[in-house]
Amino acid sequence: MSEIPRACKVKANDFEFTIDPSAVMQADIIQKSPTDFNAILNHRSVNARVLESDVTGTSLKVEVEGETFDIEIRDHLHQILDQMGFSTVSSKHIKHIKAPMPGLVISIAVTEGQEVKEGDRILVLEAMKMENSILIHADGKIKRVAVKAGQAVDKGQVLVELD
């Protein structure tokens, strides 16, 4: 049995509202290109263009009929994390990237001194016969790579230090 999608909280510039998934399903949305969309709802047509998007697709800059909006989408999981106080973690400066699980370092995609952007791959960690890409969650600069390809690591072990 599939779970019924829950409402998302959306912030567009300074305006906040909730979108019910059933309302989205009622709209006729056509993707005209990778960034251009047309939506028809209640006999009204609206054109929109995605100007920027983060890796997760939850933070966007969208142009709708000539007006630009900074959009932030918070699904049910994000809302729970916000209530638990975990949303403030993203504003802190991260100093270390640690192994989320024990495993074997397959490859390293960064070097010391390299500038990295949010969503960039740091390394690939094999755990339980699956390859897991370890990504950075904020822009930064690599201070030190603490592991080597082929090295076994424990959960919580520092993989990379950031400036």
Protein backbone atom coordinates (compact mmCIF):
# COMPACT_ATOMS: atom_id res chain seq x y z
CA MET A 1 0.00 0.00 0.00
CA SER A 2 1.50 3.35 -0.99
CA GLU A 3 1.63 6.26 1.42
CA ILE A 4 -0.45 9.35 0.64
CA PRO A 5 1.86 12.33 -0.01
CA ARG A 6 1.64 15.06 2.63
CA ALA A 7 1.43 18.80 2.17
CA CYS A 8 4.62 20.76 1.57
CA LYS A 9 5.37 24.15 3.06
CA VAL A 10 6.58 26.64 0.47
CA LYS A 11 8.24 30.01 0.95
CA ALA A 12 8.26 32.29 -2.10
CA ASN A 13 10.25 35.42 -1.26
CA ASP A 14 8.54 36.54 1.99
CA PHE A 15 5.21 34.81 1.33
CA GLU A 16 4.63 31.40 2.97
CA PHE A 17 1.93 28.88 2.08
CA THR A 18 1.13 25.16 2.03
CA ILE A 19 0.64 23.11 -1.12
CA ASP A 20 -1.56 20.07 -0.94
CA PRO A 21 -0.47 17.30 -3.34
CA SER A 22 -4.06 16.91 -4.58
CA ALA A 23 -4.02 20.54 -5.79
CA VAL A 24 -0.83 19.86 -7.75
CA MET A 25 -2.45 16.80 -9.30
CA GLN A 26 -5.37 18.97 -10.52
CA ALA A 27 -3.06 21.30 -12.41
CA ASP A 28 -2.10 20.49 -15.99
CA ILE A 29 1.68 20.98 -15.98
CA ILE A 30 3.68 20.71 -19.19
CA GLN A 31 7.48 20.74 -19.26
CA LYS A 32 8.43 22.61 -22.44
CA SER A 33 12.21 22.36 -21.88
CA PRO A 34 14.50 21.34 -18.98
CA THR A 35 13.85 24.75 -17.36
CA ASP A 36 10.56 26.00 -18.88
CA PHE A 37 7.11 24.95 -17.71
CA ASN A 38 3.49 25.84 -18.44
CA ALA A 39 0.75 25.19 -15.91
CA ILE A 40 -3.00 25.43 -16.38
CA LEU A 41 -5.25 25.49 -13.32
CA ASN A 42 -8.83 26.78 -13.12
CA HIS A 43 -8.69 27.89 -16.78
CA ARG A 44 -5.61 30.09 -16.15
CA SER A 45 -2.31 29.51 -17.95
CA VAL A 46 1.01 30.43 -16.30
CA ASN A 47 4.52 30.19 -17.75
CA ALA A 48 7.50 29.63 -15.45
CA ARG A 49 11.25 29.22 -15.88
CA VAL A 50 13.65 27.69 -13.34
CA LEU A 51 16.65 30.04 -13.21
CA GLU A 52 18.60 28.26 -10.45
CA SER A 53 18.17 25.07 -8.43
CA ASP A 54 20.15 23.40 -5.66
CA VAL A 55 21.11 19.74 -5.86
CA THR A 56 18.02 18.59 -3.95
CA GLY A 57 15.57 20.73 -5.93
CA THR A 58 14.15 22.21 -2.72
CA SER A 59 15.71 25.65 -3.13
CA LEU A 60 14.98 27.38 -6.43
CA LYS A 61 14.98 30.73 -8.18
CA VAL A 62 11.98 30.82 -10.51
CA GLU A 63 10.74 33.43 -12.97
CA VAL A 64 6.96 33.50 -13.36
CA GLU A 65 5.66 35.82 -16.06
CA GLY A 66 8.56 38.24 -15.64
CA GLU A 67 8.68 38.26 -11.82
CA THR A 68 11.49 36.42 -9.96
CA PHE A 69 10.85 34.35 -6.83
CA ASP A 70 13.26 32.66 -4.42
CA ILE A 71 11.49 29.42 -3.55
CA GLU A 72 12.15 27.10 -0.62
CA ILE A 73 10.18 23.83 -0.42
CA ARG A 74 9.91 21.93 2.88
CA ASP A 75 8.40 18.45 2.56
CA HIS A 76 7.10 16.48 5.55
CA LEU A 77 10.55 15.15 6.50
CA HIS A 78 12.11 18.64 6.36
CA GLN A 79 9.27 19.97 8.52
CA ILE A 80 9.93 17.30 11.17
CA LEU A 81 13.67 18.06 11.11
CA ASP A 82 12.89 21.78 11.47
CA GLN A 83 10.70 21.03 14.53
CA MET A 84 13.55 18.98 16.03
CA GLY A 85 15.96 21.88 15.55
CA PHE A 86 18.08 20.25 12.85
CA SER A 87 17.47 23.00 10.28
CA THR A 88 20.03 25.17 12.07
CA VAL A 89 22.79 22.65 11.26
CA SER A 90 22.97 23.87 7.67
CA SER A 91 23.96 27.36 8.81
CA LYS A 92 26.95 26.09 10.81
CA HIS A 93 30.40 25.83 9.28
CA ILE A 94 31.29 22.18 8.77
CA LYS A 95 34.90 21.32 9.66
CA HIS A 96 34.94 17.56 9.03
CA ILE A 97 33.31 15.09 6.65
CA LYS A 98 32.95 11.81 8.55
CA ALA A 99 32.13 8.30 7.40
CA PRO A 100 28.38 7.68 7.83
CA MET A 101 29.04 3.93 8.08
CA PRO A 102 31.97 1.51 8.16
CA GLY A 103 33.29 0.68 4.71
CA LEU A 104 36.08 0.75 2.16
CA VAL A 105 37.18 3.94 0.39
CA ILE A 106 36.91 3.14 -3.34
CA SER A 107 37.98 6.49 -4.82
CA ILE A 108 38.68 10.06 -3.75
CA ALA A 109 37.43 12.90 -5.95
CA VAL A 110 39.10 15.87 -4.21
CA THR A 111 42.59 17.11 -3.40
CA GLU A 112 43.95 19.33 -0.65
CA GLY A 113 43.41 23.03 -1.36
CA GLN A 114 40.55 22.34 -3.79
CA GLU A 115 37.46 24.59 -3.67
CA VAL A 116 34.24 22.53 -3.54
CA LYS A 117 30.60 23.47 -3.99
CA GLU A 118 27.53 22.09 -2.25
CA GLY A 119 26.63 18.73 -3.80
CA ASP A 120 30.16 17.95 -5.10
CA ARG A 121 31.33 14.36 -4.62
CA ILE A 122 34.08 14.00 -2.03
CA LEU A 123 34.67 10.27 -2.33
CA VAL A 124 33.05 6.90 -2.94
CA LEU A 125 32.64 4.57 0.04
CA GLU A 126 31.72 0.90 -0.42
CA ALA A 127 29.58 -0.50 2.39
CA MET A 128 27.55 -3.71 2.39
CA LYS A 129 28.49 -4.34 -1.27
CA MET A 130 27.03 -0.96 -2.33
CA GLU A 131 28.93 2.10 -3.53
CA ASN A 132 27.90 5.30 -1.73
CA SER A 133 28.89 8.74 -2.99
CA ILE A 134 29.80 11.02 -0.10
CA LEU A 135 28.79 14.58 -1.05
CA ILE A 136 29.59 17.90 0.58
CA HIS A 137 26.62 19.79 2.03
CA ALA A 138 28.05 23.32 1.79
CA ASP A 139 30.64 25.24 -0.21
CA GLY A 140 34.14 25.02 1.20
CA LYS A 141 37.84 24.34 0.68
CA ILE A 142 39.56 21.01 1.30
CA LYS A 143 42.17 21.38 4.05
CA ARG A 144 43.25 17.73 4.32
CA VAL A 145 42.23 14.38 2.87
CA ALA A 146 42.54 12.02 5.85
CA VAL A 147 42.09 8.71 3.99
CA LYS A 148 43.42 6.93 0.91
CA ALA A 149 41.72 4.83 -1.75
CA GLY A 150 41.59 1.21 -0.62
CA GLN A 151 41.54 2.14 3.08
CA ALA A 152 38.94 0.63 5.43
CA VAL A 153 37.18 3.20 7.64
CA ASP A 154 34.95 3.04 10.71
CA LYS A 155 31.67 4.86 11.21
CA GLY A 156 32.37 8.42 12.35
CA GLN A 157 36.00 8.40 11.18
CA VAL A 158 37.13 11.71 9.65
CA LEU A 159 37.47 11.38 5.88
CA VAL A 160 38.18 14.99 4.93
CA GLU A 161 38.92 18.19 6.86
CA LEU A 162 37.66 21.54 5.57
CA ASP A 163 39.01 25.09 6.03
